[in-house]
Structures are given as C-alpha cells and as structure tokens.
PDB file of N, CA and C in Angstrom:
ATOM      1  N   UNK A   1     111.471 102.142  91.667  1.00  0.00           N
ATOM      2  CA  UNK A   1     111.299 101.891  93.097  1.00  0.00           C
ATOM      3  C   UNK A   1     112.187 102.789  94.149  1.00  0.00           C
ATOM      4  N   UNK A   2     111.962 103.340  95.047  1.00  0.00           N
ATOM      5  CA  UNK A   2     112.484 104.032  96.055  1.00  0.00           C
ATOM      6  C   UNK A   2     112.285 103.424  97.517  1.00  0.00           C
ATOM      7  N   UNK A   3     113.459 103.091  98.240  1.00  0.00           N
ATOM      8  CA  UNK A   3     113.129 102.429  99.474  1.00  0.00           C
ATOM      9  C   UNK A   3     114.008 103.248 100.651  1.00  0.00           C
ATOM     10  N   UNK A   4     113.210 103.685 101.624  1.00  0.00           N
ATOM     11  CA  UNK A   4     113.561 103.949 103.065  1.00  0.00           C
ATOM     12  C   UNK A   4     113.078 103.306 103.911  1.00  0.00           C
ATOM     13  N   UNK A   5     113.708 102.763 104.925  1.00  0.00           N
ATOM     14  CA  UNK A   5     113.737 102.415 106.218  1.00  0.00           C
ATOM     15  C   UNK A   5     114.245 103.086 107.303  1.00  0.00           C
ATOM     16  N   UNK A   6     113.473 103.786 108.186  1.00  0.00           N
ATOM     17  CA  UNK A   6     113.994 104.662 108.807  1.00  0.00           C
ATOM     18  C   UNK A   6     115.129 104.070 109.786  1.00  0.00           C
ATOM     19  N   UNK A   7     114.880 103.077 110.080  1.00  0.00           N
ATOM     20  CA  UNK A   7     115.731 102.074 111.261  1.00  0.00           C
ATOM     21  C   UNK A   7     116.590 100.924 110.797  1.00  0.00           C
ATOM     22  N   UNK A   8     116.577 100.960 109.351  1.00  0.00           N
ATOM     23  CA  UNK A   8     117.473 100.105 108.504  1.00  0.00           C
ATOM     24  C   UNK A   8     117.018  98.534 108.916  1.00  0.00           C
ATOM     25  N   UNK A   9     117.795  97.704 108.747  1.00  0.00           N
ATOM     26  CA  UNK A   9     117.474  96.279 108.996  1.00  0.00           C
ATOM     27  C   UNK A   9     116.914  95.942 110.491  1.00  0.00           C
ATOM     28  N   UNK A  10     117.055  96.887 111.286  1.00  0.00           N
ATOM     29  CA  UNK A  10     116.934  96.622 112.695  1.00  0.00           C
ATOM     30  C   UNK A  10     118.078  96.003 113.694  1.00  0.00           C
ATOM     31  N   UNK A  11     119.135  95.998 112.809  1.00  0.00           N
ATOM     32  CA  UNK A  11     120.312  95.175 113.614  1.00  0.00           C
ATOM     33  C   UNK A  11     120.739  96.619 114.473  1.00  0.00           C
ATOM     34  N   UNK A  12     120.996  96.062 115.785  1.00  0.00           N
ATOM     35  CA  UNK A  12     121.540  97.380 116.499  1.00  0.00           C
ATOM     36  C   UNK A  12     122.813  97.759 116.306  1.00  0.00           C
ATOM     37  N   UNK A  13     123.588  97.283 115.480  1.00  0.00           N
ATOM     38  CA  UNK A  13     125.006  97.711 115.335  1.00  0.00           C
ATOM     39  C   UNK A  13     125.329  97.965 113.772  1.00  0.00           C
ATOM     40  N   UNK A  14     124.608  97.549 112.902  1.00  0.00           N
ATOM     41  CA  UNK A  14     124.784  97.854 111.426  1.00  0.00           C
ATOM     42  C   UNK A  14     123.854  98.824 110.902  1.00  0.00           C
ATOM     43  N   UNK A  15     124.442  99.459 109.943  1.00  0.00           N
ATOM     44  CA  UNK A  15     123.796 100.811 109.427  1.00  0.00           C
ATOM     45  C   UNK A  15     123.577 100.052 107.919  1.00  0.00           C
ATOM     46  N   UNK A  16     122.433 100.654 107.161  1.00  0.00           N
ATOM     47  CA  UNK A  16     122.235 100.220 106.010  1.00  0.00           C
ATOM     48  C   UNK A  16     122.054 101.259 105.043  1.00  0.00           C
ATOM     49  N   UNK A  17     122.196 101.225 103.562  1.00  0.00           N
ATOM     50  CA  UNK A  17     122.267 102.216 102.730  1.00  0.00           C
ATOM     51  C   UNK A  17     120.836 103.062 102.454  1.00  0.00           C
ATOM     52  N   UNK A  18     119.707 102.289 103.204  1.00  0.00           N
ATOM     53  CA  UNK A  18     118.592 103.126 102.907  1.00  0.00           C
ATOM     54  C   UNK A  18     117.840 103.643 104.610  1.00  0.00           C
ATOM     55  N   UNK A  19     118.681 103.916 105.215  1.00  0.00           N
ATOM     56  CA  UNK A  19     118.134 104.181 106.652  1.00  0.00           C
ATOM     57  C   UNK A  19     118.502 105.703 107.257  1.00  0.00           C
ATOM     58  N   UNK A  20     117.795 106.030 108.263  1.00  0.00           N
ATOM     59  CA  UNK A  20     118.418 107.349 108.842  1.00  0.00           C
ATOM     60  C   UNK A  20     119.481 106.797 109.797  1.00  0.00           C
ATOM     61  N   UNK A  21     120.664 107.734 109.702  1.00  0.00           N
ATOM     62  CA  UNK A  21     121.662 107.598 110.730  1.00  0.00           C
ATOM     63  C   UNK A  21     121.818 108.921 111.601  1.00  0.00           C
ATOM     64  N   UNK A  22     121.776 108.801 112.628  1.00  0.00           N
ATOM     65  CA  UNK A  22     121.532 107.736 113.709  1.00  0.00           C
ATOM     66  C   UNK A  22     119.981 107.262 113.519  1.00  0.00           C
ATOM     67  N   UNK A  23     119.501 106.216 113.562  1.00  0.00           N
ATOM     68  CA  UNK A  23     118.335 105.596 113.566  1.00  0.00           C
ATOM     69  C   UNK A  23     117.151 106.572 114.599  1.00  0.00           C
ATOM     70  N   UNK A  24     117.819 107.227 115.437  1.00  0.00           N
ATOM     71  CA  UNK A  24     117.043 107.782 116.559  1.00  0.00           C
ATOM     72  C   UNK A  24     117.812 108.935 116.872  1.00  0.00           C
ATOM     73  N   UNK A  25     117.287 109.984 115.920  1.00  0.00           N
ATOM     74  CA  UNK A  25     118.311 111.157 116.279  1.00  0.00           C
ATOM     75  C   UNK A  25     117.913 111.745 117.491  1.00  0.00           C
ATOM     76  N   UNK A  26     119.001 112.693 117.935  1.00  0.00           N
ATOM     77  CA  UNK A  26     118.782 113.441 119.018  1.00  0.00           C
ATOM     78  C   UNK A  26     118.668 115.060 118.539  1.00  0.00           C
ATOM     79  N   UNK A  27     118.051 115.650 119.166  1.00  0.00           N
ATOM     80  CA  UNK A  27     117.746 117.292 118.663  1.00  0.00           C
ATOM     81  C   UNK A  27     119.096 117.873 118.749  1.00  0.00           C
ATOM     82  N   UNK A  28     119.810 118.545 117.539  1.00  0.00           N
ATOM     83  CA  UNK A  28     120.671 119.207 117.443  1.00  0.00           C
ATOM     84  C   UNK A  28     121.972 118.463 117.083  1.00  0.00           C
ATOM     85  N   UNK A  29     121.747 117.002 117.086  1.00  0.00           N
ATOM     86  CA  UNK A  29     122.856 116.476 116.390  1.00  0.00           C
ATOM     87  C   UNK A  29     122.986 116.051 115.089  1.00  0.00           C
ATOM     88  N   UNK A  30     123.983 115.936 114.482  1.00  0.00           N
ATOM     89  CA  UNK A  30     124.002 115.697 112.780  1.00  0.00           C
ATOM     90  C   UNK A  30     123.198 114.537 112.539  1.00  0.00           C
ATOM     91  N   UNK A  31     122.570 114.578 111.377  1.00  0.00           N
ATOM     92  CA  UNK A  31     121.583 113.342 110.802  1.00  0.00           C
ATOM     93  C   UNK A  31     121.923 113.272 109.457  1.00  0.00           C
ATOM     94  N   UNK A  32     121.780 112.049 109.063  1.00  0.00           N
ATOM     95  CA  UNK A  32     122.006 111.440 107.521  1.00  0.00           C
ATOM     96  C   UNK A  32     120.801 110.710 107.232  1.00  0.00           C
ATOM     97  N   UNK A  33     120.191 111.435 105.977  1.00  0.00           N
ATOM     98  CA  UNK A  33     119.047 110.303 105.558  1.00  0.00           C
ATOM     99  C   UNK A  33     119.503 109.646 104.282  1.00  0.00           C
ATOM    100  N   UNK A  34     119.283 108.377 104.386  1.00  0.00           N
ATOM    101  CA  UNK A  34     119.676 107.700 103.294  1.00  0.00           C
ATOM    102  C   UNK A  34     118.431 106.897 102.392  1.00  0.00           C
ATOM    103  N   UNK A  35     118.171 106.837 101.121  1.00  0.00           N
ATOM    104  CA  UNK A  35     117.388 106.146 100.286  1.00  0.00           C
ATOM    105  C   UNK A  35     118.044 105.257  99.130  1.00  0.00           C
ATOM    106  N   UNK A  36     117.541 104.363  98.943  1.00  0.00           N
ATOM    107  CA  UNK A  36     117.902 103.583  97.803  1.00  0.00           C
ATOM    108  C   UNK A  36     117.067 103.491  96.522  1.00  0.00           C
ATOM    109  N   UNK A  37     117.504 103.657  95.572  1.00  0.00           N
ATOM    110  CA  UNK A  37     116.816 103.999  94.478  1.00  0.00           C
ATOM    111  C   UNK A  37     116.869 103.368  93.203  1.00  0.00           C
ATOM    112  N   UNK A  38     116.151 102.953  92.349  1.00  0.00           N
ATOM    113  CA  UNK A  38     116.256 102.386  91.165  1.00  0.00           C
ATOM    114  C   UNK A  38     117.132 103.090  90.245  1.00  0.00           C
ATOM    115  N   UNK A  39     118.123 102.865  89.237  1.00  0.00           N
ATOM    116  CA  UNK A  39     118.537 103.712  88.356  1.00  0.00           C
ATOM    117  C   UNK A  39     117.602 104.619  87.576  1.00  0.00           C
ATOM    118  N   UNK A  40     116.542 104.136  87.365  1.00  0.00           N
ATOM    119  CA  UNK A  40     115.660 105.111  86.746  1.00  0.00           C
ATOM    120  C   UNK A  40     115.102 106.462  87.373  1.00  0.00           C
ATOM    121  N   UNK A  41     115.063 106.257  88.609  1.00  0.00           N
ATOM    122  CA  UNK A  41     114.705 107.617  89.447  1.00  0.00           C
ATOM    123  C   UNK A  41     115.787 108.587  89.065  1.00  0.00           C
ATOM    124  N   UNK A  42     114.990 109.738  88.942  1.00  0.00           N
ATOM    125  CA  UNK A  42     115.874 110.767  88.431  1.00  0.00           C
ATOM    126  C   UNK A  42     116.557 111.940  89.571  1.00  0.00           C
ATOM    127  N   UNK A  43     115.196 112.026  90.787  1.00  0.00           N
ATOM    128  CA  UNK A  43     115.400 112.797  91.672  1.00  0.00           C
ATOM    129  C   UNK A  43     114.761 112.342  93.166  1.00  0.00           C
ATOM    130  N   UNK A  44     115.209 112.528  94.247  1.00  0.00           N
ATOM    131  CA  UNK A  44     114.375 112.101  95.315  1.00  0.00           C
ATOM    132  C   UNK A  44     114.472 113.367  96.502  1.00  0.00           C
ATOM    133  N   UNK A  45     113.383 114.077  96.851  1.00  0.00           N
ATOM    134  CA  UNK A  45     113.269 114.680  97.962  1.00  0.00           C
ATOM    135  C   UNK A  45     112.496 114.452  99.035  1.00  0.00           C
ATOM    136  N   UNK A  46     112.881 115.040 100.157  1.00  0.00           N
ATOM    137  CA  UNK A  46     112.349 114.451 101.524  1.00  0.00           C
ATOM    138  C   UNK A  46     111.554 115.930 101.861  1.00  0.00           C
ATOM    139  N   UNK A  47     110.099 115.645 102.626  1.00  0.00           N
ATOM    140  CA  UNK A  47     109.559 116.549 102.984  1.00  0.00           C
ATOM    141  C   UNK A  47     109.803 116.535 104.718  1.00  0.00           C
ATOM    142  N   UNK A  48     110.837 117.165 105.274  1.00  0.00           N
ATOM    143  CA  UNK A  48     111.062 117.038 106.863  1.00  0.00           C
ATOM    144  C   UNK A  48     110.299 117.979 107.619  1.00  0.00           C
ATOM    145  N   UNK A  49     109.394 117.520 108.583  1.00  0.00           N
ATOM    146  CA  UNK A  49     108.351 118.188 109.614  1.00  0.00           C
ATOM    147  C   UNK A  49     109.153 117.890 110.960  1.00  0.00           C
ATOM    148  N   UNK A  50     109.187 119.115 111.603  1.00  0.00           N
ATOM    149  CA  UNK A  50     109.474 119.055 113.094  1.00  0.00           C
ATOM    150  C   UNK A  50     108.372 119.546 113.958  1.00  0.00           C
ATOM    151  N   UNK A  51     107.957 118.695 114.836  1.00  0.00           N
ATOM    152  CA  UNK A  51     106.769 119.023 116.010  1.00  0.00           C
ATOM    153  C   UNK A  51     105.633 119.887 115.213  1.00  0.00           C
ATOM    154  N   UNK A  52     104.914 119.235 114.148  1.00  0.00           N
ATOM    155  CA  UNK A  52     103.879 119.915 113.522  1.00  0.00           C
ATOM    156  C   UNK A  52     104.269 121.386 112.651  1.00  0.00           C
ATOM    157  N   UNK A  53     105.447 121.658 112.772  1.00  0.00           N
ATOM    158  CA  UNK A  53     105.948 123.095 111.858  1.00  0.00           C
ATOM    159  C   UNK A  53     105.589 122.794 110.429  1.00  0.00           C
ATOM    160  N   UNK A  54     106.007 123.802 109.560  1.00  0.00           N
ATOM    161  CA  UNK A  54     105.839 123.806 108.154  1.00  0.00           C
ATOM    162  C   UNK A  54     106.820 122.689 107.615  1.00  0.00           C
ATOM    163  N   UNK A  55     106.885 122.421 106.713  1.00  0.00           N
ATOM    164  CA  UNK A  55     107.492 121.281 105.836  1.00  0.00           C
ATOM    165  C   UNK A  55     108.744 121.967 105.460  1.00  0.00           C
ATOM    166  N   UNK A  56     110.155 121.153 105.615  1.00  0.00           N
ATOM    167  CA  UNK A  56     111.100 121.873 104.977  1.00  0.00           C
ATOM    168  C   UNK A  56     111.556 120.850 103.742  1.00  0.00           C
ATOM    169  N   UNK A  57     111.646 121.356 102.395  1.00  0.00           N
ATOM    170  CA  UNK A  57     112.094 120.269 101.508  1.00  0.00           C
ATOM    171  C   UNK A  57     113.462 120.256 101.195  1.00  0.00           C
ATOM    172  N   UNK A  58     113.841 118.797 101.025  1.00  0.00           N
ATOM    173  CA  UNK A  58     115.272 118.560 101.020  1.00  0.00           C
ATOM    174  C   UNK A  58     115.446 117.943  99.806  1.00  0.00           C
ATOM    175  N   UNK A  59     116.565 118.305  98.858  1.00  0.00           N
ATOM    176  CA  UNK A  59     116.807 117.621  97.855  1.00  0.00           C
ATOM    177  C   UNK A  59     117.985 116.712  98.180  1.00  0.00           C
ATOM    178  N   UNK A  60     117.672 115.215  97.824  1.00  0.00           N
ATOM    179  CA  UNK A  60     118.694 114.542  98.029  1.00  0.00           C
ATOM    180  C   UNK A  60     119.516 114.400  97.109  1.00  0.00           C
ATOM    181  N   UNK A  61     120.836 114.292  97.541  1.00  0.00           N
ATOM    182  CA  UNK A  61     121.977 114.137  96.407  1.00  0.00           C
ATOM    183  C   UNK A  61     122.421 112.680  96.047  1.00  0.00           C
ATOM    184  N   UNK A  62     122.475 112.226  94.900  1.00  0.00           N
ATOM    185  CA  UNK A  62     122.741 111.003  94.469  1.00  0.00           C
ATOM    186  C   UNK A  62     124.215 110.858  94.775  1.00  0.00           C
ATOM    187  N   UNK A  63     124.293 109.529  95.183  1.00  0.00           N
ATOM    188  CA  UNK A  63     125.920 109.089  95.504  1.00  0.00           C
ATOM    189  C   UNK A  63     125.829 107.444  95.251  1.00  0.00           C
ATOM    190  N   UNK A  64     127.105 106.937  94.690  1.00  0.00           N
ATOM    191  CA  UNK A  64     127.213 105.490  94.380  1.00  0.00           C
ATOM    192  C   UNK A  64     126.962 104.845  95.758  1.00  0.00           C
ATOM    193  N   UNK A  65     126.492 103.447  95.924  1.00  0.00           N
ATOM    194  CA  UNK A  65     126.844 102.845  97.106  1.00  0.00           C
ATOM    195  C   UNK A  65     128.149 102.600  97.467  1.00  0.00           C
ATOM    196  N   UNK A  66     128.871 102.120  96.103  1.00  0.00           N
ATOM    197  CA  UNK A  66     130.259 101.858  96.544  1.00  0.00           C
ATOM    198  C   UNK A  66     131.260 103.060  96.914  1.00  0.00           C
ATOM    199  N   UNK A  67     130.761 104.266  96.794  1.00  0.00           N
ATOM    200  CA  UNK A  67     131.498 105.611  97.496  1.00  0.00           C
ATOM    201  C   UNK A  67     131.359 105.556  98.799  1.00  0.00           C
ATOM    202  N   UNK A  68     130.483 104.881  99.652  1.00  0.00           N
ATOM    203  CA  UNK A  68     130.160 104.952 100.892  1.00  0.00           C
ATOM    204  C   UNK A  68     128.853 105.940 101.287  1.00  0.00           C
ATOM    205  N   UNK A  69     128.848 106.104 102.310  1.00  0.00           N
ATOM    206  CA  UNK A  69     127.610 107.101 102.893  1.00  0.00           C
ATOM    207  C   UNK A  69     128.260 108.566 102.505  1.00  0.00           C
ATOM    208  N   UNK A  70     127.157 109.717 102.474  1.00  0.00           N
ATOM    209  CA  UNK A  70     127.872 110.733 102.525  1.00  0.00           C
ATOM    210  C   UNK A  70     126.783 111.609 101.235  1.00  0.00           C
ATOM    211  N   UNK A  71     126.978 112.910 101.148  1.00  0.00           N
ATOM    212  CA  UNK A  71     126.526 113.604 100.297  1.00  0.00           C
ATOM    213  C   UNK A  71     127.459 114.325  99.159  1.00  0.00           C
ATOM    214  N   UNK A  72     127.141 114.093  98.064  1.00  0.00           N
ATOM    215  CA  UNK A  72     127.983 114.297  96.893  1.00  0.00           C
ATOM    216  C   UNK A  72     127.365 115.092  95.841  1.00  0.00           C
ATOM    217  N   UNK A  73     127.991 116.312  95.811  1.00  0.00           N
ATOM    218  CA  UNK A  73     127.224 117.326  94.827  1.00  0.00           C
ATOM    219  C   UNK A  73     127.518 116.771  93.366  1.00  0.00           C
ATOM    220  N   UNK A  74     126.439 116.608  92.661  1.00  0.00           N
ATOM    221  CA  UNK A  74     126.431 116.261  91.080  1.00  0.00           C
ATOM    222  C   UNK A  74     125.926 117.301  90.211  1.00  0.00           C
ATOM    223  N   UNK A  75     126.573 117.707  88.990  1.00  0.00           N
ATOM    224  CA  UNK A  75     125.941 118.523  88.217  1.00  0.00           C
ATOM    225  C   UNK A  75     124.392 118.266  87.786  1.00  0.00           C
ATOM    226  N   UNK A  76     123.526 118.865  87.461  1.00  0.00           N
ATOM    227  CA  UNK A  76     121.948 118.558  87.201  1.00  0.00           C
ATOM    228  C   UNK A  76     122.234 118.021  85.953  1.00  0.00           C
ATOM    229  N   UNK A  77     121.461 116.780  85.708  1.00  0.00           N
ATOM    230  CA  UNK A  77     121.247 116.158  84.654  1.00  0.00           C
ATOM    231  C   UNK A  77     122.305 115.070  84.519  1.00  0.00           C
ATOM    232  N   UNK A  78     123.345 114.994  85.386  1.00  0.00           N
ATOM    233  CA  UNK A  78     124.365 113.850  85.272  1.00  0.00           C
ATOM    234  C   UNK A  78     123.492 112.570  85.786  1.00  0.00           C
ATOM    235  N   UNK A  79     123.958 111.495  84.798  1.00  0.00           N
ATOM    236  CA  UNK A  79     123.199 110.206  84.710  1.00  0.00           C
ATOM    237  C   UNK A  79     123.450 109.436  86.414  1.00  0.00           C
ATOM    238  N   UNK A  80     122.587 108.822  86.652  1.00  0.00           N
ATOM    239  CA  UNK A  80     122.796 107.907  88.045  1.00  0.00           C
ATOM    240  C   UNK A  80     123.559 106.660  87.443  1.00  0.00           C
ATOM    241  N   UNK A  81     124.505 106.213  88.481  1.00  0.00           N
ATOM    242  CA  UNK A  81     124.912 104.863  88.079  1.00  0.00           C
ATOM    243  C   UNK A  81     123.905 103.899  88.427  1.00  0.00           C
ATOM    244  N   UNK A  82     124.515 102.364  88.120  1.00  0.00           N
ATOM    245  CA  UNK A  82     123.624 101.359  88.270  1.00  0.00           C
ATOM    246  C   UNK A  82     122.965 100.957  89.918  1.00  0.00           C
ATOM    247  N   UNK A  83     123.940 101.176  90.739  1.00  0.00           N
ATOM    248  CA  UNK A  83     123.862 101.091  92.433  1.00  0.00           C
ATOM    249  C   UNK A  83     123.428 102.536  92.775  1.00  0.00           C
ATOM    250  N   UNK A  84     122.591 103.033  92.982  1.00  0.00           N
ATOM    251  CA  UNK A  84     122.531 104.553  93.708  1.00  0.00           C
ATOM    252  C   UNK A  84     121.860 104.555  94.834  1.00  0.00           C
ATOM    253  N   UNK A  85     122.418 105.672  95.887  1.00  0.00           N
ATOM    254  CA  UNK A  85     122.004 105.918  96.978  1.00  0.00           C
ATOM    255  C   UNK A  85     121.506 107.479  96.765  1.00  0.00           C
ATOM    256  N   UNK A  86     120.660 107.885  97.810  1.00  0.00           N
ATOM    257  CA  UNK A  86     120.544 109.398  97.881  1.00  0.00           C
ATOM    258  C   UNK A  86     120.665 109.809  99.336  1.00  0.00           C
ATOM    259  N   UNK A  87     121.367 110.903  99.470  1.00  0.00           N
ATOM    260  CA  UNK A  87     121.208 111.016 101.090  1.00  0.00           C
ATOM    261  C   UNK A  87     121.481 112.574 101.139  1.00  0.00           C
ATOM    262  N   UNK A  88     121.096 112.924 102.430  1.00  0.00           N
ATOM    263  CA  UNK A  88     121.564 114.480 102.861  1.00  0.00           C
ATOM    264  C   UNK A  88     121.938 114.258 104.440  1.00  0.00           C
ATOM    265  N   UNK A  89     122.981 115.087 104.569  1.00  0.00           N
ATOM    266  CA  UNK A  89     123.351 115.546 106.024  1.00  0.00           C
ATOM    267  C   UNK A  89     122.645 116.715 106.376  1.00  0.00           C
ATOM    268  N   UNK A  90     121.978 116.722 107.521  1.00  0.00           N
ATOM    269  CA  UNK A  90     121.447 118.033 108.264  1.00  0.00           C
ATOM    270  C   UNK A  90     122.029 118.259 109.432  1.00  0.00           C
TER     271      UNK A  90
END
C-alpha cells in the first residue's frame, strides 16, 4: 500500500505524513513530498511534471514517521521500519 494525499486531511492547520508541504506550493519556494507506505514497499519514486514539460524522476528516501518530517539518506538495501514515510524536499 502506498498513500499520498496532496492536501492531507484537509485540515487548514495540521499537516499529515502523506501530504505535500505546503499543500499549495508557490513557484520557487521549498517543497516537501510525503508518502505513507507499507513496510513491504522497497522504494517509491515520484514523476514530477511542471507545466507540461518532461517529467523529472525523484527517488523518495525512507524515513521513520517517529523521526519527524524530512529526508534521510539511507544505504541501499537497508530494511524499512514498521512505520515508514518516504519524502523528498525540492
């Protein structure tokens, strides 16, 4: 199972582990993509397209939800934890 809800739960002030932060990005500002995945998921990629241009493939790095949001670089093949998020900051 992989879950991504671009605007999260829809709560105006709360962010979730499976949403885009900020929910409505502004061109040129930092962006964080979050995905919630089952422990059996080995990797997650995002194909990001801007204004109909060619897609850019982003490898999302696994992080434990308990570690908080952000990108964690992990060695290839390292086992995922039971509660896993994937994310990338652009």
